Protein backbone atom coordinates (compact mmCIF):
# COMPACT_ATOMS: atom_id res chain seq x y z
CA UNK A 1 163.80 -62.95 42.60
CA UNK A 2 167.28 -64.33 41.97
CA UNK A 3 170.07 -64.33 44.56
CA UNK A 4 173.70 -65.42 44.49
CA UNK A 5 174.08 -67.60 47.57
CA UNK A 6 177.47 -68.70 48.88
CA UNK A 7 177.15 -72.32 50.03
CA UNK A 8 180.91 -72.71 50.44
CA UNK A 9 183.81 -70.29 50.67
CA UNK A 10 184.37 -70.85 46.95
CA UNK A 11 181.01 -72.18 45.88
CA UNK A 12 178.27 -69.77 44.77
CA UNK A 13 174.91 -70.78 43.33
CA UNK A 14 172.33 -68.49 41.77
CA UNK A 15 168.86 -69.54 42.89
CA UNK A 16 165.31 -68.29 43.22
CA UNK A 17 164.27 -66.76 46.52
CA UNK A 18 161.01 -65.21 47.75
CA UNK A 19 160.52 -61.56 46.80
CA UNK A 20 161.04 -59.41 49.90
CA UNK A 21 158.06 -57.51 51.27
CA UNK A 22 158.22 -54.11 52.98
CA UNK A 23 156.75 -54.34 56.45
CA UNK A 24 155.90 -51.36 58.66
CA UNK A 25 158.76 -48.87 58.64
CA UNK A 26 160.65 -50.85 56.00
CA UNK A 27 161.47 -50.39 52.34
CA UNK A 28 162.42 -52.74 49.51
CA UNK A 29 165.04 -51.74 46.97
CA UNK A 30 166.02 -53.08 43.59
CA UNK A 31 169.79 -53.49 43.71
CA UNK A 32 171.54 -51.27 41.18
CA UNK A 33 175.15 -52.23 41.93
CA UNK A 34 177.10 -53.99 44.65
CA UNK A 35 180.85 -54.03 45.17
CA UNK A 36 182.93 -57.02 46.19
CA UNK A 37 184.66 -56.32 49.52
CA UNK A 38 187.77 -58.01 50.84
CA UNK A 39 185.66 -59.53 53.61
CA UNK A 40 183.54 -61.27 50.94
CA UNK A 41 186.58 -63.36 49.96
CA UNK A 42 187.85 -63.99 53.49
CA UNK A 43 187.36 -67.63 54.45
CA UNK A 44 187.54 -66.76 58.15
CA UNK A 45 184.84 -64.12 57.73
CA UNK A 46 182.52 -66.00 55.40
CA UNK A 47 182.66 -69.60 56.62
CA UNK A 48 180.78 -69.08 59.93
CA UNK A 49 177.91 -67.44 58.03
CA UNK A 50 177.35 -70.11 55.39
CA UNK A 51 175.02 -70.44 53.59
CA UNK A 52 174.76 -66.71 52.98
CA UNK A 53 174.02 -64.04 50.40
CA UNK A 54 177.02 -61.73 50.64
CA UNK A 55 177.40 -58.15 49.45
CA UNK A 56 177.15 -54.97 51.53
CA UNK A 57 178.58 -52.17 49.35
CA UNK A 58 175.42 -51.38 47.44
CA UNK A 59 173.09 -48.87 45.90
CA UNK A 60 169.45 -49.43 45.09
CA UNK A 61 166.20 -48.00 43.80
CA UNK A 62 163.23 -47.93 46.16
CA UNK A 63 160.45 -50.12 44.76
CA UNK A 64 158.20 -50.51 47.83
CA UNK A 65 157.63 -48.36 50.90
CA UNK A 66 156.15 -49.79 54.10
CA UNK A 67 153.56 -48.13 56.30
CA UNK A 68 154.89 -45.25 58.36
CA UNK A 69 157.96 -44.50 56.23
CA UNK A 70 158.34 -40.78 55.51
CA UNK A 71 160.79 -38.95 53.27
CA UNK A 72 161.20 -41.80 50.79
CA UNK A 73 159.24 -42.57 47.64
CA UNK A 74 159.24 -45.30 45.04
CA UNK A 75 161.85 -44.47 42.43
CA UNK A 76 164.28 -42.85 44.88
CA UNK A 77 167.87 -44.02 44.32
CA UNK A 78 169.84 -44.56 47.49
CA UNK A 79 173.07 -45.68 49.08
CA UNK A 80 172.30 -48.56 51.43
CA UNK A 81 174.15 -49.09 54.71
CA UNK A 82 173.94 -52.59 56.15
CA UNK A 83 174.46 -51.76 59.84
CA UNK A 84 173.13 -49.24 62.36
CA UNK A 85 174.30 -48.61 65.94
CA UNK A 86 171.87 -48.09 68.80
CA UNK A 87 173.58 -44.82 69.76
CA UNK A 88 172.92 -45.38 73.45
CA UNK A 89 175.07 -48.25 74.73
CA UNK A 90 178.45 -47.83 76.44
CA UNK A 91 180.32 -48.67 73.24
CA UNK A 92 178.39 -46.10 71.23
CA UNK A 93 178.92 -43.45 73.91
CA UNK A 94 182.67 -44.11 73.84
CA UNK A 95 182.82 -43.65 70.07
CA UNK A 96 182.91 -47.35 69.19
CA UNK A 97 179.65 -47.45 67.23
CA UNK A 98 180.85 -50.28 65.03
CA UNK A 99 181.29 -52.50 68.09
CA UNK A 100 177.71 -51.94 69.22
CA UNK A 101 175.78 -55.21 69.51
CA UNK A 102 172.91 -53.75 67.49
CA UNK A 103 175.37 -52.68 64.78
CA UNK A 104 176.78 -56.20 64.51
CA UNK A 105 173.38 -57.92 64.35
CA UNK A 106 171.39 -55.55 62.11
CA UNK A 107 171.66 -56.27 58.38
CA UNK A 108 169.89 -56.04 55.06
CA UNK A 109 167.85 -58.99 53.82
CA UNK A 110 169.20 -61.10 52.19
CA UNK A 111 172.41 -59.35 51.02
CA UNK A 112 173.62 -57.19 48.17
CA UNK A 113 174.25 -60.00 45.68
CA UNK A 114 170.55 -60.23 44.92
CA UNK A 115 167.99 -58.58 42.68
CA UNK A 116 166.13 -56.99 45.62
CA UNK A 117 166.84 -56.31 49.29
CA UNK A 118 164.60 -55.51 52.23
CA UNK A 119 165.79 -52.66 54.43
CA UNK A 120 164.73 -53.15 58.08
CA UNK A 121 163.17 -50.19 59.83
CA UNK A 122 166.31 -49.62 61.91
CA UNK A 123 168.30 -49.09 58.70
CA UNK A 124 165.85 -46.96 56.76
CA UNK A 125 167.17 -43.83 58.46
CA UNK A 126 170.65 -44.71 57.20
CA UNK A 127 169.64 -44.55 53.53
CA UNK A 128 171.33 -41.71 51.64
CA UNK A 129 169.69 -40.27 48.53
CA UNK A 130 172.12 -40.44 45.62
CA UNK A 131 171.12 -36.91 44.50
CA UNK A 132 173.09 -36.98 41.28
CA UNK A 133 175.84 -39.34 42.42
CA UNK A 134 175.75 -42.29 40.05
CA UNK A 135 174.97 -45.78 41.31
CA UNK A 136 178.45 -47.19 40.74
CA UNK A 137 180.27 -44.42 42.60
CA UNK A 138 177.66 -44.80 45.31
CA UNK A 139 178.89 -48.33 46.05
CA UNK A 140 182.11 -46.75 47.34
CA UNK A 141 180.41 -44.79 50.13
CA UNK A 142 180.71 -47.70 52.57
CA UNK A 143 184.35 -48.66 51.84
CA UNK A 144 185.41 -45.01 51.81
CA UNK A 145 183.53 -44.51 55.08
CA UNK A 146 185.58 -47.35 56.58
CA UNK A 147 188.79 -45.61 55.50
CA UNK A 148 187.68 -42.27 56.95
CA UNK A 149 186.83 -43.90 60.26
CA UNK A 150 190.32 -45.41 60.35
CA UNK A 151 191.77 -41.93 59.76
CA UNK A 152 189.78 -40.65 62.72
CA UNK A 153 190.96 -43.54 64.87
CA UNK A 154 194.55 -42.64 63.94
CA UNK A 155 194.11 -38.92 64.49
CA UNK A 156 195.32 -38.29 60.94
CA UNK A 157 195.06 -34.62 60.04
CA UNK A 158 196.20 -32.07 57.48
CA UNK A 159 199.96 -31.64 57.56
CA UNK A 160 200.67 -35.21 58.70
CA UNK A 161 202.55 -37.80 56.72
CA UNK A 162 201.02 -41.17 55.80
CA UNK A 163 202.31 -44.48 54.52
CA UNK A 164 199.74 -46.74 52.86
CA UNK A 165 200.88 -50.38 52.72
CA UNK A 166 198.93 -52.24 50.05
CA UNK A 167 197.35 -50.59 47.01
CA UNK A 168 194.18 -52.57 46.54
CA UNK A 169 190.85 -50.75 46.67
CA UNK A 170 191.18 -49.74 50.33
CA UNK A 171 194.75 -48.56 49.89
CA UNK A 172 193.83 -46.52 46.82
CA UNK A 173 190.87 -44.98 48.63
CA UNK A 174 193.19 -44.10 51.51
CA UNK A 175 195.62 -42.35 49.16
CA UNK A 176 192.84 -40.38 47.48
CA UNK A 177 191.09 -39.48 50.74
CA UNK A 178 194.33 -38.41 52.42
CA UNK A 179 195.06 -35.96 49.61
CA UNK A 180 191.48 -34.69 49.76
CA UNK A 181 191.94 -34.01 53.48
CA UNK A 182 195.21 -32.13 53.10
CA UNK A 183 197.65 -34.77 54.33
CA UNK A 184 201.07 -33.30 53.59
CA UNK A 185 202.90 -36.37 52.30
CA UNK A 186 201.49 -39.72 51.20
CA UNK A 187 203.76 -42.66 50.51
CA UNK A 188 202.87 -46.14 49.32
CA UNK A 189 204.32 -49.65 49.47
CA UNK A 190 202.95 -52.21 47.03
CA UNK A 191 204.79 -55.19 45.44
CA UNK A 192 202.55 -55.37 42.35
CA UNK A 193 203.67 -52.95 39.68
CA UNK A 194 200.22 -52.34 38.22
CA UNK A 195 198.72 -51.43 41.60
CA UNK A 196 201.74 -49.36 42.59
CA UNK A 197 201.32 -47.36 39.40
CA UNK A 198 197.69 -46.68 40.25
CA UNK A 199 198.70 -45.29 43.63
CA UNK A 200 201.45 -43.17 42.11
CA UNK A 201 198.98 -41.80 39.57
CA UNK A 202 196.83 -40.64 42.51
CA UNK A 203 199.75 -38.58 43.81
CA UNK A 204 201.38 -41.00 46.25
CA UNK A 205 205.15 -41.36 46.35
CA UNK A 206 207.06 -44.63 46.33
CA UNK A 207 208.20 -45.27 49.91
CA UNK A 208 211.88 -45.60 50.70
CA UNK A 209 212.94 -45.36 54.33
CA UNK A 210 211.00 -42.27 55.35
CA UNK A 211 209.47 -42.21 58.83
CA UNK A 212 205.81 -41.21 58.91
CA UNK A 213 203.19 -40.09 61.39
CA UNK A 214 200.66 -42.78 60.43
CA UNK A 215 201.00 -46.17 58.74
CA UNK A 216 197.81 -47.54 57.21
CA UNK A 217 198.05 -51.32 56.78
CA UNK A 218 195.66 -52.25 53.98
CA UNK A 219 196.94 -55.82 53.94
CA UNK A 220 197.30 -58.45 56.65
CA UNK A 221 200.54 -59.88 55.24
CA UNK A 222 203.16 -60.43 57.99
CA UNK A 223 205.88 -58.72 55.92
CA UNK A 224 203.66 -55.66 55.60
CA UNK A 225 203.28 -55.48 59.37
CA UNK A 226 207.07 -55.53 59.84
CA UNK A 227 207.67 -52.92 57.15
CA UNK A 228 204.92 -50.70 58.45
CA UNK A 229 206.04 -50.86 62.06
CA UNK A 230 209.59 -49.96 61.07
CA UNK A 231 208.32 -46.87 59.25
CA UNK A 232 206.36 -45.36 62.16
CA UNK A 233 208.02 -42.21 63.47
CA UNK A 234 208.36 -41.71 67.24
CA UNK A 235 204.94 -40.79 68.57
CA UNK A 236 203.25 -42.17 65.46
CA UNK A 237 200.42 -44.59 64.83
CA UNK A 238 200.28 -48.04 63.27
CA UNK A 239 196.75 -48.72 61.97
CA UNK A 240 195.60 -52.29 61.47
CA UNK A 241 193.00 -51.71 58.78
CA UNK A 242 193.18 -55.17 57.21
CA UNK A 243 193.05 -57.91 59.83
CA UNK A 244 195.84 -60.46 60.22
CA UNK A 245 194.93 -64.11 59.76
CA UNK A 246 193.00 -65.93 62.51
CA UNK A 247 195.20 -66.86 65.45
CA UNK A 248 198.17 -64.97 64.05
CA UNK A 249 200.11 -63.05 66.70
CA UNK A 250 201.37 -59.55 66.02
CA UNK A 251 205.14 -59.82 65.81
CA UNK A 252 206.20 -56.41 67.09
CA UNK A 253 209.30 -55.45 69.06
CA UNK A 254 207.80 -54.44 72.39
CA UNK A 255 210.85 -52.44 73.49
CA UNK A 256 210.86 -50.48 70.24
CA UNK A 257 207.14 -49.83 70.58
CA UNK A 258 207.71 -48.58 74.12
CA UNK A 259 210.68 -46.36 73.34
CA UNK A 260 209.02 -44.79 70.30
CA UNK A 261 205.60 -44.51 71.99
CA UNK A 262 203.92 -46.06 68.97
CA UNK A 263 200.14 -46.35 69.17
CA UNK A 264 198.71 -49.49 67.57
CA UNK A 265 195.04 -49.09 66.64
CA UNK A 266 192.55 -51.21 64.76
CA UNK A 267 189.56 -49.95 62.82
CA UNK A 268 186.48 -51.92 61.82
CA UNK A 269 183.66 -50.84 59.50
CA UNK A 270 181.96 -47.42 59.28
CA UNK A 271 179.34 -45.64 61.36
CA UNK A 272 176.64 -43.21 60.18
CA UNK A 273 178.88 -40.13 60.41
CA UNK A 274 181.59 -41.88 58.42
CA UNK A 275 179.07 -42.75 55.72
CA UNK A 276 177.97 -39.12 55.48
CA UNK A 277 181.55 -37.86 55.31
CA UNK A 278 182.35 -40.38 52.57
CA UNK A 279 179.23 -39.45 50.63
CA UNK A 280 180.22 -35.78 50.71
CA UNK A 281 183.74 -36.51 49.42
CA UNK A 282 182.35 -38.60 46.56
CA UNK A 283 179.54 -36.18 45.71
CA UNK A 284 181.97 -33.26 45.59
CA UNK A 285 184.30 -35.13 43.24
CA UNK A 286 187.20 -34.77 45.69
CA UNK A 287 187.55 -38.56 45.53
CA UNK A 288 186.71 -40.39 42.30
CA UNK A 289 186.92 -44.18 42.73
CA UNK A 290 185.45 -45.20 39.39
CA UNK A 291 188.91 -45.78 37.81
CA UNK A 292 189.46 -48.50 40.44
CA UNK A 293 186.65 -50.59 38.91
CA UNK A 294 188.28 -53.15 36.66
CA UNK A 295 185.41 -55.63 36.29
CA UNK A 296 181.62 -55.39 36.05
CA UNK A 297 179.66 -58.64 36.08
CA UNK A 298 175.99 -59.69 36.10
CA UNK A 299 174.41 -61.43 39.06
CA UNK A 300 174.83 -64.90 37.57
CA UNK A 301 178.61 -64.30 37.51
CA UNK A 302 178.88 -63.36 41.18
CA UNK A 303 181.07 -66.38 41.85
CA UNK A 304 183.48 -65.23 39.16
CA UNK A 305 183.48 -61.71 40.59
CA UNK A 306 184.57 -63.11 43.94
CA UNK A 307 187.31 -65.18 42.30
CA UNK A 308 188.62 -62.21 40.32
CA UNK A 309 189.07 -60.27 43.55
CA UNK A 310 190.48 -63.29 45.39
CA UNK A 311 193.11 -63.90 42.70
CA UNK A 312 194.08 -60.24 42.54
CA UNK A 313 193.15 -59.96 38.87
CA UNK A 314 190.46 -57.43 39.78
CA UNK A 315 191.19 -54.27 41.72
CA UNK A 316 187.49 -53.62 42.24
CA UNK A 317 184.69 -55.80 40.90
CA UNK A 318 181.06 -54.72 40.80
CA UNK A 319 178.05 -57.02 40.52
CA UNK A 320 175.26 -55.39 38.50
CA UNK A 321 172.02 -57.35 39.00
């Protein structure tokens, strides 16, 4: 099979690799579509893994089923999750499934920017049958699941007010999901006119100086952190959804944080329940992310897909092997 392997943070080669084989409890899927995530263009995230086949927002068609697998057949079309928690460790028991050591180490083989992937036995139970949801919308289950987990971490609920800072894919998903969950008022801050207009078209309002219950930082820019922190109402929450750069300190006024009782939370990835919740929102049509897709490229153009997202030209790019 062919894979798009990153051998540098900006150097991708498409090469032949052995066809994966389904061992006991495993399945092999033909990749239908795979989205480019912000982590795929993060030097700090990618560099320690090199060389690597990236891609984790994917859907596939089952082409081989290993011994002992039940409930799946060749031809089934599925959403593929790349991590699975153990469910038993202290972190899992405290609700931090995405910090579980098993979660961090378990992954698909070799990655979504490939013609085929092997799903380890531990991940087979995480597969979600598309059941009418198309393959491209299915690639948004994982990123939407990440957003929903962040909402849970923030305690965001119907009737609250939300400010989304940054209107890339994650910010747009946050706007759409907040409306779907009955959030009373959704504001947005975004310097790029085209992206701002997308958020406004989803029903967000341009932010002025309103104080809000929750600020969702979908960018790690220092200016965004300052703006977001200033907009948190007393008793509110500042959510670090996009990480700041490596080694960068959070420049927050400690006295202001104390006096306003602002909670600062971070949210990483999505657990099984988040994936299911995201799937249900997408399957119901309550959130439709397909308008966010600005570029679709074949596997041999994976490097270009990454560059389109890195430059900001693409809102969402999909690789279609």
